[in-house]
Every structure is written in structure tokens, then in C-alpha cells.
Amino acid sequence: MILVNTDYISGKELETLGLVKGSTIQSKHLGKDIVQALKSLVGGELRAYTEMMNEARALATKRMAGEAEQMGADAVVNIRYASSSVMQSAAEVIAYGTAVKFK
């Protein structure tokens, strides 16, 4: 499965299959949340949250690719990501793009 953020793949003619997406909502456990709250008082990177968002993006991408595979796609083009806070210390990440098949 080829995953790209461009709307084309060099040297390939594409047939559009449709929109695919994957999402997840992630949070950290209370202990890490408290530590990160204290860290935010002094500044610097909140590594536990960085890790959480990286894991969330990877899972959303995997789910999007799985949906594309079920459609018989060879690739997903024009991939985009969005995130939003759904509650304190929890974030939703969605990955979406266009599933395509090579002609």
C-alpha cells in the first residue's frame, strides 16, 4: 500500500475509488497527566503527549490504510491529518485521503 500526501503518484495512472479515513481517541493515564501538568508550569516539551499523538497518528493511518485495502486500493493519495480535543487530556486524530487503484 502506497501512502502519499500528493494527489498523484509519479508514473502511475490512477482510478479513484473513494474517500477513506481512520480515527482514534487517545489519552494518557492519570499519573502521566499529573506529571505533564507539572511540566507545563516550567515549560518544555511534554514528551508523554508527543508520544501519545505519534501513537494516535500511527493508529489512525493504519485504520485508514485498512479501509483502503478493503476497497481493493493500491494506494491512498492526498492524505491529511486533523486532531481535536474531545475532553481534557484526550485527543482525537483522524487520517483521511483518497483510495486509488492503478490503471
PDB file of N, CA and C in Angstrom:
ATOM      1  N   MET A   1       0.862  -1.178   0.000  1.00  0.00           N
ATOM      2  CA  MET A   1       0.000   0.000   0.000  1.00  0.00           C
ATOM      3  C   MET A   1       0.904   1.237   0.000  1.00  0.00           C
ATOM      4  N   ILE A   2       0.710   2.068  -0.999  1.00  0.00           N
ATOM      5  CA  ILE A   2       1.451   3.322  -1.092  1.00  0.00           C
ATOM      6  C   ILE A   2       0.608   4.421  -0.445  1.00  0.00           C
ATOM      7  N   LEU A   3       1.213   5.189   0.451  1.00  0.00           N
ATOM      8  CA  LEU A   3       0.536   6.287   1.140  1.00  0.00           C
ATOM      9  C   LEU A   3       1.307   7.569   0.859  1.00  0.00           C
ATOM     10  N   VAL A   4       0.639   8.551   0.229  1.00  0.00           N
ATOM     11  CA  VAL A   4       1.304   9.813  -0.097  1.00  0.00           C
ATOM     12  C   VAL A   4       0.394  10.995   0.200  1.00  0.00           C
ATOM     13  N   ASN A   5       1.010  12.151   0.416  1.00  0.00           N
ATOM     14  CA  ASN A   5       0.210  13.362   0.654  1.00  0.00           C
ATOM     15  C   ASN A   5       0.085  14.215  -0.609  1.00  0.00           C
ATOM     16  N   THR A   6       0.518  13.685  -1.734  1.00  0.00           N
ATOM     17  CA  THR A   6       0.325  14.365  -3.017  1.00  0.00           C
ATOM     18  C   THR A   6      -0.932  13.808  -3.677  1.00  0.00           C
ATOM     19  N   ASP A   7      -1.416  14.484  -4.718  1.00  0.00           N
ATOM     20  CA  ASP A   7      -2.621  13.991  -5.387  1.00  0.00           C
ATOM     21  C   ASP A   7      -2.286  13.139  -6.612  1.00  0.00           C
ATOM     22  N   TYR A   8      -1.046  12.691  -6.706  1.00  0.00           N
ATOM     23  CA  TYR A   8      -0.610  11.852  -7.819  1.00  0.00           C
ATOM     24  C   TYR A   8       0.515  10.944  -7.330  1.00  0.00           C
ATOM     25  N   ILE A   9       0.809   9.919  -8.109  1.00  0.00           N
ATOM     26  CA  ILE A   9       1.973   9.069  -7.889  1.00  0.00           C
ATOM     27  C   ILE A   9       2.711   9.032  -9.206  1.00  0.00           C
ATOM     28  N   SER A  10       3.938   9.480  -9.211  1.00  0.00           N
ATOM     29  CA  SER A  10       4.714   9.581 -10.458  1.00  0.00           C
ATOM     30  C   SER A  10       4.702   8.271 -11.232  1.00  0.00           C
ATOM     31  N   GLY A  11       4.406   8.388 -12.527  1.00  0.00           N
ATOM     32  CA  GLY A  11       4.440   7.239 -13.410  1.00  0.00           C
ATOM     33  C   GLY A  11       3.223   6.334 -13.331  1.00  0.00           C
ATOM     34  N   LYS A  12       2.229   6.697 -12.549  1.00  0.00           N
ATOM     35  CA  LYS A  12       1.038   5.857 -12.400  1.00  0.00           C
ATOM     36  C   LYS A  12      -0.203   6.617 -12.846  1.00  0.00           C
ATOM     37  N   GLU A  13      -1.074   5.913 -13.560  1.00  0.00           N
ATOM     38  CA  GLU A  13      -2.381   6.460 -13.894  1.00  0.00           C
ATOM     39  C   GLU A  13      -3.339   5.903 -12.845  1.00  0.00           C
ATOM     40  N   LEU A  14      -4.146   6.794 -12.246  1.00  0.00           N
ATOM     41  CA  LEU A  14      -4.953   6.406 -11.098  1.00  0.00           C
ATOM     42  C   LEU A  14      -6.446   6.408 -11.401  1.00  0.00           C
ATOM     43  N   GLU A  15      -7.125   5.442 -10.806  1.00  0.00           N
ATOM     44  CA  GLU A  15      -8.588   5.385 -10.831  1.00  0.00           C
ATOM     45  C   GLU A  15      -9.057   5.626  -9.391  1.00  0.00           C
ATOM     46  N   THR A  16      -9.883   6.632  -9.182  1.00  0.00           N
ATOM     47  CA  THR A  16     -10.361   6.977  -7.849  1.00  0.00           C
ATOM     48  C   THR A  16     -11.413   5.983  -7.375  1.00  0.00           C
ATOM     49  N   LEU A  17     -11.226   5.485  -6.154  1.00  0.00           N
ATOM     50  CA  LEU A  17     -12.188   4.566  -5.555  1.00  0.00           C
ATOM     51  C   LEU A  17     -13.082   5.272  -4.538  1.00  0.00           C
ATOM     52  N   GLY A  18     -12.517   6.256  -3.838  1.00  0.00           N
ATOM     53  CA  GLY A  18     -13.325   6.992  -2.869  1.00  0.00           C
ATOM     54  C   GLY A  18     -12.548   7.403  -1.637  1.00  0.00           C
ATOM     55  N   LEU A  19     -13.239   8.108  -0.767  1.00  0.00           N
ATOM     56  CA  LEU A  19     -12.669   8.617   0.475  1.00  0.00           C
ATOM     57  C   LEU A  19     -12.470   7.478   1.465  1.00  0.00           C
ATOM     58  N   VAL A  20     -11.322   7.482   2.135  1.00  0.00           N
ATOM     59  CA  VAL A  20     -11.064   6.550   3.233  1.00  0.00           C
ATOM     60  C   VAL A  20     -10.592   7.346   4.429  1.00  0.00           C
ATOM     61  N   LYS A  21     -10.885   6.813   5.624  1.00  0.00           N
ATOM     62  CA  LYS A  21     -10.459   7.516   6.824  1.00  0.00           C
ATOM     63  C   LYS A  21     -10.220   6.514   7.934  1.00  0.00           C
ATOM     64  N   GLY A  22      -9.468   6.966   8.905  1.00  0.00           N
ATOM     65  CA  GLY A  22      -9.226   6.196  10.116  1.00  0.00           C
ATOM     66  C   GLY A  22      -9.113   7.182  11.256  1.00  0.00           C
ATOM     67  N   SER A  23      -9.601   6.802  12.422  1.00  0.00           N
ATOM     68  CA  SER A  23      -9.514   7.726  13.550  1.00  0.00           C
ATOM     69  C   SER A  23      -9.318   6.964  14.846  1.00  0.00           C
ATOM     70  N   THR A  24      -8.916   7.693  15.858  1.00  0.00           N
ATOM     71  CA  THR A  24      -8.763   7.152  17.200  1.00  0.00           C
ATOM     72  C   THR A  24      -8.868   8.296  18.195  1.00  0.00           C
ATOM     73  N   ILE A  25      -9.245   7.967  19.405  1.00  0.00           N
ATOM     74  CA  ILE A  25      -9.225   8.927  20.510  1.00  0.00           C
ATOM     75  C   ILE A  25      -8.285   8.352  21.548  1.00  0.00           C
ATOM     76  N   GLN A  26      -7.293   9.131  21.919  1.00  0.00           N
ATOM     77  CA  GLN A  26      -6.256   8.669  22.840  1.00  0.00           C
ATOM     78  C   GLN A  26      -6.195   9.557  24.076  1.00  0.00           C
ATOM     79  N   SER A  27      -5.772   8.957  25.174  1.00  0.00           N
ATOM     80  CA  SER A  27      -5.490   9.726  26.397  1.00  0.00           C
ATOM     81  C   SER A  27      -4.347   9.049  27.133  1.00  0.00           C
ATOM     82  N   LYS A  28      -3.778   9.742  28.081  1.00  0.00           N
ATOM     83  CA  LYS A  28      -2.736   9.191  28.943  1.00  0.00           C
ATOM     84  C   LYS A  28      -3.337   8.921  30.309  1.00  0.00           C
ATOM     85  N   HIS A  29      -2.739   7.972  31.027  1.00  0.00           N
ATOM     86  CA  HIS A  29      -3.274   7.674  32.350  1.00  0.00           C
ATOM     87  C   HIS A  29      -3.005   8.818  33.325  1.00  0.00           C
ATOM     88  N   LEU A  30      -3.741   8.834  34.404  1.00  0.00           N
ATOM     89  CA  LEU A  30      -3.742   9.948  35.347  1.00  0.00           C
ATOM     90  C   LEU A  30      -2.345  10.299  35.851  1.00  0.00           C
ATOM     91  N   GLY A  31      -1.519   9.309  36.138  1.00  0.00           N
ATOM     92  CA  GLY A  31      -0.164   9.577  36.641  1.00  0.00           C
ATOM     93  C   GLY A  31       0.650  10.414  35.674  1.00  0.00           C
ATOM     94  N   LYS A  32       0.651  10.030  34.399  1.00  0.00           N
ATOM     95  CA  LYS A  32       1.400  10.799  33.395  1.00  0.00           C
ATOM     96  C   LYS A  32       0.771  12.164  33.192  1.00  0.00           C
ATOM     97  N   ASP A  33      -0.547  12.236  33.297  1.00  0.00           N
ATOM     98  CA  ASP A  33      -1.247  13.504  33.130  1.00  0.00           C
ATOM     99  C   ASP A  33      -0.820  14.503  34.204  1.00  0.00           C
ATOM    100  N   ILE A  34      -0.703  14.050  35.425  1.00  0.00           N
ATOM    101  CA  ILE A  34      -0.276  14.921  36.533  1.00  0.00           C
ATOM    102  C   ILE A  34       1.152  15.392  36.309  1.00  0.00           C
ATOM    103  N   VAL A  35       2.040  14.479  35.922  1.00  0.00           N
ATOM    104  CA  VAL A  35       3.443  14.838  35.663  1.00  0.00           C
ATOM    105  C   VAL A  35       3.526  15.866  34.544  1.00  0.00           C
ATOM    106  N   GLN A  36       2.733  15.675  33.478  1.00  0.00           N
ATOM    107  CA  GLN A  36       2.766  16.612  32.356  1.00  0.00           C
ATOM    108  C   GLN A  36       2.201  17.972  32.752  1.00  0.00           C
ATOM    109  N   ALA A  37       1.210  17.996  33.635  1.00  0.00           N
ATOM    110  CA  ALA A  37       0.665  19.267  34.123  1.00  0.00           C
ATOM    111  C   ALA A  37       1.728  20.035  34.896  1.00  0.00           C
ATOM    112  N   LEU A  38       2.487  19.342  35.717  1.00  0.00           N
ATOM    113  CA  LEU A  38       3.578  19.995  36.455  1.00  0.00           C
ATOM    114  C   LEU A  38       4.662  20.483  35.502  1.00  0.00           C
ATOM    115  N   LYS A  39       4.976  19.677  34.486  1.00  0.00           N
ATOM    116  CA  LYS A  39       5.988  20.055  33.498  1.00  0.00           C
ATOM    117  C   LYS A  39       5.566  21.316  32.748  1.00  0.00           C
ATOM    118  N   SER A  40       4.276  21.468  32.499  1.00  0.00           N
ATOM    119  CA  SER A  40       3.810  22.634  31.746  1.00  0.00           C
ATOM    120  C   SER A  40       4.027  23.928  32.538  1.00  0.00           C
ATOM    121  N   LEU A  41       4.183  23.832  33.839  1.00  0.00           N
ATOM    122  CA  LEU A  41       4.443  25.020  34.655  1.00  0.00           C
ATOM    123  C   LEU A  41       5.825  25.603  34.390  1.00  0.00           C
ATOM    124  N   VAL A  42       6.795  24.727  34.085  1.00  0.00           N
ATOM    125  CA  VAL A  42       8.167  25.196  33.871  1.00  0.00           C
ATOM    126  C   VAL A  42       8.527  25.300  32.395  1.00  0.00           C
ATOM    127  N   GLY A  43       7.681  24.760  31.538  1.00  0.00           N
ATOM    128  CA  GLY A  43       7.920  24.842  30.098  1.00  0.00           C
ATOM    129  C   GLY A  43       8.704  23.668  29.568  1.00  0.00           C
ATOM    130  N   GLY A  44       8.749  23.570  28.278  1.00  0.00           N
ATOM    131  CA  GLY A  44       9.463  22.489  27.611  1.00  0.00           C
ATOM    132  C   GLY A  44       8.504  21.515  26.953  1.00  0.00           C
ATOM    133  N   GLU A  45       9.079  20.551  26.268  1.00  0.00           N
ATOM    134  CA  GLU A  45       8.271  19.562  25.553  1.00  0.00           C
ATOM    135  C   GLU A  45       7.562  18.635  26.526  1.00  0.00           C
ATOM    136  N   LEU A  46       6.303  18.368  26.256  1.00  0.00           N
ATOM    137  CA  LEU A  46       5.524  17.419  27.042  1.00  0.00           C
ATOM    138  C   LEU A  46       5.610  16.072  26.332  1.00  0.00           C
ATOM    139  N   ARG A  47       6.677  15.340  26.634  1.00  0.00           N
ATOM    140  CA  ARG A  47       7.017  14.127  25.878  1.00  0.00           C
ATOM    141  C   ARG A  47       5.928  13.064  25.908  1.00  0.00           C
ATOM    142  N   ALA A  48       5.246  12.914  27.022  1.00  0.00           N
ATOM    143  CA  ALA A  48       4.183  11.903  27.093  1.00  0.00           C
ATOM    144  C   ALA A  48       3.069  12.230  26.100  1.00  0.00           C
ATOM    145  N   TYR A  49       2.766  13.515  25.943  1.00  0.00           N
ATOM    146  CA  TYR A  49       1.735  13.911  24.986  1.00  0.00           C
ATOM    147  C   TYR A  49       2.237  13.796  23.550  1.00  0.00           C
ATOM    148  N   THR A  50       3.499  14.095  23.326  1.00  0.00           N
ATOM    149  CA  THR A  50       4.087  13.908  21.996  1.00  0.00           C
ATOM    150  C   THR A  50       3.997  12.441  21.600  1.00  0.00           C
ATOM    151  N   GLU A  51       4.363  11.567  22.529  1.00  0.00           N
ATOM    152  CA  GLU A  51       4.290  10.127  22.294  1.00  0.00           C
ATOM    153  C   GLU A  51       2.843   9.701  22.029  1.00  0.00           C
ATOM    154  N   MET A  52       1.919  10.220  22.818  1.00  0.00           N
ATOM    155  CA  MET A  52       0.509   9.883  22.645  1.00  0.00           C
ATOM    156  C   MET A  52       0.020  10.275  21.248  1.00  0.00           C
ATOM    157  N   MET A  53       0.368  11.467  20.797  1.00  0.00           N
ATOM    158  CA  MET A  53      -0.089  11.927  19.479  1.00  0.00           C
ATOM    159  C   MET A  53       0.576  11.133  18.352  1.00  0.00           C
ATOM    160  N   ASN A  54       1.847  10.771  18.506  1.00  0.00           N
ATOM    161  CA  ASN A  54       2.516   9.944  17.497  1.00  0.00           C
ATOM    162  C   ASN A  54       1.842   8.581  17.385  1.00  0.00           C
ATOM    163  N   GLU A  55       1.506   7.984  18.533  1.00  0.00           N
ATOM    164  CA  GLU A  55       0.805   6.699  18.533  1.00  0.00           C
ATOM    165  C   GLU A  55      -0.570   6.837  17.886  1.00  0.00           C
ATOM    166  N   ALA A  56      -1.266   7.915  18.190  1.00  0.00           N
ATOM    167  CA  ALA A  56      -2.600   8.142  17.638  1.00  0.00           C
ATOM    168  C   ALA A  56      -2.544   8.309  16.117  1.00  0.00           C
ATOM    169  N   ARG A  57      -1.571   9.077  15.614  1.00  0.00           N
ATOM    170  CA  ARG A  57      -1.430   9.248  14.165  1.00  0.00           C
ATOM    171  C   ARG A  57      -1.134   7.914  13.486  1.00  0.00           C
ATOM    172  N   ALA A  58      -0.254   7.119  14.095  1.00  0.00           N
ATOM    173  CA  ALA A  58       0.096   5.819  13.511  1.00  0.00           C
ATOM    174  C   ALA A  58      -1.127   4.898  13.461  1.00  0.00           C
ATOM    175  N   LEU A  59      -1.911   4.885  14.514  1.00  0.00           N
ATOM    176  CA  LEU A  59      -3.103   4.029  14.549  1.00  0.00           C
ATOM    177  C   LEU A  59      -4.156   4.514  13.557  1.00  0.00           C
ATOM    178  N   ALA A  60      -4.368   5.818  13.480  1.00  0.00           N
ATOM    179  CA  ALA A  60      -5.334   6.368  12.517  1.00  0.00           C
ATOM    180  C   ALA A  60      -4.899   6.051  11.087  1.00  0.00           C
ATOM    181  N   THR A  61      -3.607   6.159  10.804  1.00  0.00           N
ATOM    182  CA  THR A  61      -3.085   5.845   9.467  1.00  0.00           C
ATOM    183  C   THR A  61      -3.292   4.368   9.147  1.00  0.00           C
ATOM    184  N   LYS A  62      -3.021   3.504  10.111  1.00  0.00           N
ATOM    185  CA  LYS A  62      -3.200   2.060   9.913  1.00  0.00           C
ATOM    186  C   LYS A  62      -4.670   1.739   9.619  1.00  0.00           C
ATOM    187  N   ARG A  63      -5.582   2.359  10.335  1.00  0.00           N
ATOM    188  CA  ARG A  63      -7.009   2.120  10.113  1.00  0.00           C
ATOM    189  C   ARG A  63      -7.452   2.641   8.747  1.00  0.00           C
ATOM    190  N   MET A  64      -6.914   3.799   8.338  1.00  0.00           N
ATOM    191  CA  MET A  64      -7.235   4.347   7.026  1.00  0.00           C
ATOM    192  C   MET A  64      -6.742   3.402   5.930  1.00  0.00           C
ATOM    193  N   ALA A  65      -5.510   2.922   6.050  1.00  0.00           N
ATOM    194  CA  ALA A  65      -4.946   2.006   5.057  1.00  0.00           C
ATOM    195  C   ALA A  65      -5.740   0.706   5.010  1.00  0.00           C
ATOM    196  N   GLY A  66      -6.197   0.236   6.153  1.00  0.00           N
ATOM    197  CA  GLY A  66      -7.012  -0.970   6.198  1.00  0.00           C
ATOM    198  C   GLY A  66      -8.322  -0.796   5.453  1.00  0.00           C
ATOM    199  N   GLU A  67      -8.941   0.358   5.617  1.00  0.00           N
ATOM    200  CA  GLU A  67     -10.187   0.646   4.898  1.00  0.00           C
ATOM    201  C   GLU A  67      -9.933   0.671   3.385  1.00  0.00           C
ATOM    202  N   ALA A  68      -8.790   1.250   2.996  1.00  0.00           N
ATOM    203  CA  ALA A  68      -8.435   1.302   1.571  1.00  0.00           C
ATOM    204  C   ALA A  68      -8.200  -0.100   1.019  1.00  0.00           C
ATOM    205  N   GLU A  69      -7.541  -0.959   1.779  1.00  0.00           N
ATOM    206  CA  GLU A  69      -7.292  -2.332   1.342  1.00  0.00           C
ATOM    207  C   GLU A  69      -8.607  -3.083   1.139  1.00  0.00           C
ATOM    208  N   GLN A  70      -9.574  -2.852   2.022  1.00  0.00           N
ATOM    209  CA  GLN A  70     -10.881  -3.499   1.885  1.00  0.00           C
ATOM    210  C   GLN A  70     -11.590  -3.074   0.601  1.00  0.00           C
ATOM    211  N   MET A  71     -11.283  -1.874   0.116  1.00  0.00           N
ATOM    212  CA  MET A  71     -11.871  -1.382  -1.132  1.00  0.00           C
ATOM    213  C   MET A  71     -11.104  -1.884  -2.358  1.00  0.00           C
ATOM    214  N   GLY A  72      -9.974  -2.554  -2.137  1.00  0.00           N
ATOM    215  CA  GLY A  72      -9.158  -3.035  -3.239  1.00  0.00           C
ATOM    216  C   GLY A  72      -8.180  -2.005  -3.764  1.00  0.00           C
ATOM    217  N   ALA A  73      -7.863  -1.003  -2.957  1.00  0.00           N
ATOM    218  CA  ALA A  73      -6.970   0.077  -3.387  1.00  0.00           C
ATOM    219  C   ALA A  73      -5.513  -0.381  -3.431  1.00  0.00           C
ATOM    220  N   ASP A  74      -4.769   0.253  -4.318  1.00  0.00           N
ATOM    221  CA  ASP A  74      -3.319   0.063  -4.385  1.00  0.00           C
ATOM    222  C   ASP A  74      -2.586   1.146  -3.596  1.00  0.00           C
ATOM    223  N   ALA A  75      -3.268   2.283  -3.383  1.00  0.00           N
ATOM    224  CA  ALA A  75      -2.625   3.415  -2.722  1.00  0.00           C
ATOM    225  C   ALA A  75      -3.685   4.350  -2.140  1.00  0.00           C
ATOM    226  N   VAL A  76      -3.217   5.239  -1.281  1.00  0.00           N
ATOM    227  CA  VAL A  76      -4.050   6.342  -0.798  1.00  0.00           C
ATOM    228  C   VAL A  76      -3.279   7.620  -1.089  1.00  0.00           C
ATOM    229  N   VAL A  77      -3.916   8.540  -1.799  1.00  0.00           N
ATOM    230  CA  VAL A  77      -3.284   9.808  -2.153  1.00  0.00           C
ATOM    231  C   VAL A  77      -3.950  10.949  -1.390  1.00  0.00           C
ATOM    232  N   ASN A  78      -3.260  12.079  -1.383  1.00  0.00           N
ATOM    233  CA  ASN A  78      -3.776  13.304  -0.778  1.00  0.00           C
ATOM    234  C   ASN A  78      -4.143  13.109   0.702  1.00  0.00           C
ATOM    235  N   ILE A  79      -3.277  12.415   1.439  1.00  0.00           N
ATOM    236  CA  ILE A  79      -3.527  12.121   2.852  1.00  0.00           C
ATOM    237  C   ILE A  79      -3.395  13.388   3.686  1.00  0.00           C
ATOM    238  N   ARG A  80      -4.327  13.548   4.585  1.00  0.00           N
ATOM    239  CA  ARG A  80      -4.334  14.678   5.518  1.00  0.00           C
ATOM    240  C   ARG A  80      -4.630  14.162   6.914  1.00  0.00           C
ATOM    241  N   TYR A  81      -4.218  14.947   7.903  1.00  0.00           N
ATOM    242  CA  TYR A  81      -4.468  14.629   9.307  1.00  0.00           C
ATOM    243  C   TYR A  81      -5.159  15.810   9.973  1.00  0.00           C
ATOM    244  N   ALA A  82      -6.004  15.495  10.931  1.00  0.00           N
ATOM    245  CA  ALA A  82      -6.637  16.530  11.751  1.00  0.00           C
ATOM    246  C   ALA A  82      -6.714  15.993  13.171  1.00  0.00           C
ATOM    247  N   SER A  83      -6.693  16.904  14.122  1.00  0.00           N
ATOM    248  CA  SER A  83      -6.838  16.493  15.521  1.00  0.00           C
ATOM    249  C   SER A  83      -7.691  17.502  16.255  1.00  0.00           C
ATOM    250  N   SER A  84      -8.309  17.025  17.306  1.00  0.00           N
ATOM    251  CA  SER A  84      -9.108  17.909  18.139  1.00  0.00           C
ATOM    252  C   SER A  84      -9.170  17.339  19.544  1.00  0.00           C
ATOM    253  N   SER A  85      -9.371  18.207  20.482  1.00  0.00           N
ATOM    254  CA  SER A  85      -9.530  17.795  21.869  1.00  0.00           C
ATOM    255  C   SER A  85     -10.988  17.417  22.085  1.00  0.00           C
ATOM    256  N   VAL A  86     -11.220  16.232  22.635  1.00  0.00           N
ATOM    257  CA  VAL A  86     -12.593  15.813  22.886  1.00  0.00           C
ATOM    258  C   VAL A  86     -12.967  15.962  24.362  1.00  0.00           C
ATOM    259  N   MET A  87     -11.953  16.003  25.208  1.00  0.00           N
ATOM    260  CA  MET A  87     -12.123  16.270  26.634  1.00  0.00           C
ATOM    261  C   MET A  87     -10.732  16.541  27.193  1.00  0.00           C
ATOM    262  N   GLN A  88     -10.647  16.969  28.430  1.00  0.00           N
ATOM    263  CA  GLN A  88      -9.335  17.271  29.000  1.00  0.00           C
ATOM    264  C   GLN A  88      -8.458  16.021  28.942  1.00  0.00           C
ATOM    265  N   SER A  89      -7.280  16.153  28.396  1.00  0.00           N
ATOM    266  CA  SER A  89      -6.278  15.087  28.298  1.00  0.00           C
ATOM    267  C   SER A  89      -6.631  13.977  27.309  1.00  0.00           C
ATOM    268  N   ALA A  90      -7.576  14.219  26.425  1.00  0.00           N
ATOM    269  CA  ALA A  90      -7.896  13.227  25.395  1.00  0.00           C
ATOM    270  C   ALA A  90      -8.018  13.946  24.055  1.00  0.00           C
ATOM    271  N   ALA A  91      -7.453  13.336  23.031  1.00  0.00           N
ATOM    272  CA  ALA A  91      -7.466  13.951  21.706  1.00  0.00           C
ATOM    273  C   ALA A  91      -7.889  12.932  20.654  1.00  0.00           C
ATOM    274  N   GLU A  92      -8.638  13.414  19.679  1.00  0.00           N
ATOM    275  CA  GLU A  92      -8.996  12.599  18.527  1.00  0.00           C
ATOM    276  C   GLU A  92      -8.045  12.949  17.391  1.00  0.00           C
ATOM    277  N   VAL A  93      -7.583  11.934  16.701  1.00  0.00           N
ATOM    278  CA  VAL A  93      -6.787  12.129  15.494  1.00  0.00           C
ATOM    279  C   VAL A  93      -7.489  11.388  14.376  1.00  0.00           C
ATOM    280  N   ILE A  94      -7.647  12.050  13.244  1.00  0.00           N
ATOM    281  CA  ILE A  94      -8.241  11.423  12.067  1.00  0.00           C
ATOM    282  C   ILE A  94      -7.278  11.566  10.893  1.00  0.00           C
ATOM    283  N   ALA A  95      -7.126  10.493  10.155  1.00  0.00           N
ATOM    284  CA  ALA A  95      -6.344  10.487   8.919  1.00  0.00           C
ATOM    285  C   ALA A  95      -7.329  10.207   7.794  1.00  0.00           C
ATOM    286  N   TYR A  96      -7.224  10.959   6.700  1.00  0.00           N
ATOM    287  CA  TYR A  96      -8.135  10.732   5.589  1.00  0.00           C
ATOM    288  C   TYR A  96      -7.436  11.008   4.274  1.00  0.00           C
ATOM    289  N   GLY A  97      -7.928  10.361   3.237  1.00  0.00           N
ATOM    290  CA  GLY A  97      -7.352  10.529   1.915  1.00  0.00           C
ATOM    291  C   GLY A  97      -8.234   9.884   0.875  1.00  0.00           C
ATOM    292  N   THR A  98      -7.730   9.777  -0.333  1.00  0.00           N
ATOM    293  CA  THR A  98      -8.468   9.197  -1.445  1.00  0.00           C
ATOM    294  C   THR A  98      -7.847   7.861  -1.834  1.00  0.00           C
ATOM    295  N   ALA A  99      -8.650   6.802  -1.754  1.00  0.00           N
ATOM    296  CA  ALA A  99      -8.201   5.487  -2.166  1.00  0.00           C
ATOM    297  C   ALA A  99      -8.184   5.419  -3.685  1.00  0.00           C
ATOM    298  N   VAL A 100      -7.114   4.879  -4.246  1.00  0.00           N
ATOM    299  CA  VAL A 100      -6.979   4.780  -5.700  1.00  0.00           C
ATOM    300  C   VAL A 100      -6.478   3.392  -6.092  1.00  0.00           C
ATOM    301  N   LYS A 101      -6.766   3.041  -7.331  1.00  0.00           N
ATOM    302  CA  LYS A 101      -6.283   1.801  -7.924  1.00  0.00           C
ATOM    303  C   LYS A 101      -5.472   2.188  -9.160  1.00  0.00           C
ATOM    304  N   PHE A 102      -4.396   1.452  -9.398  1.00  0.00           N
ATOM    305  CA  PHE A 102      -3.581   1.722 -10.588  1.00  0.00           C
ATOM    306  C   PHE A 102      -4.287   1.165 -11.834  1.00  0.00           C
ATOM    307  N   LYS A 103      -4.269   1.956 -12.917  1.00  0.00           N
ATOM    308  CA  LYS A 103      -4.861   1.504 -14.184  1.00  0.00           C
ATOM    309  C   LYS A 103      -3.871   0.662 -14.943  1.00  0.00           C
TER     310      LYS A 103
END
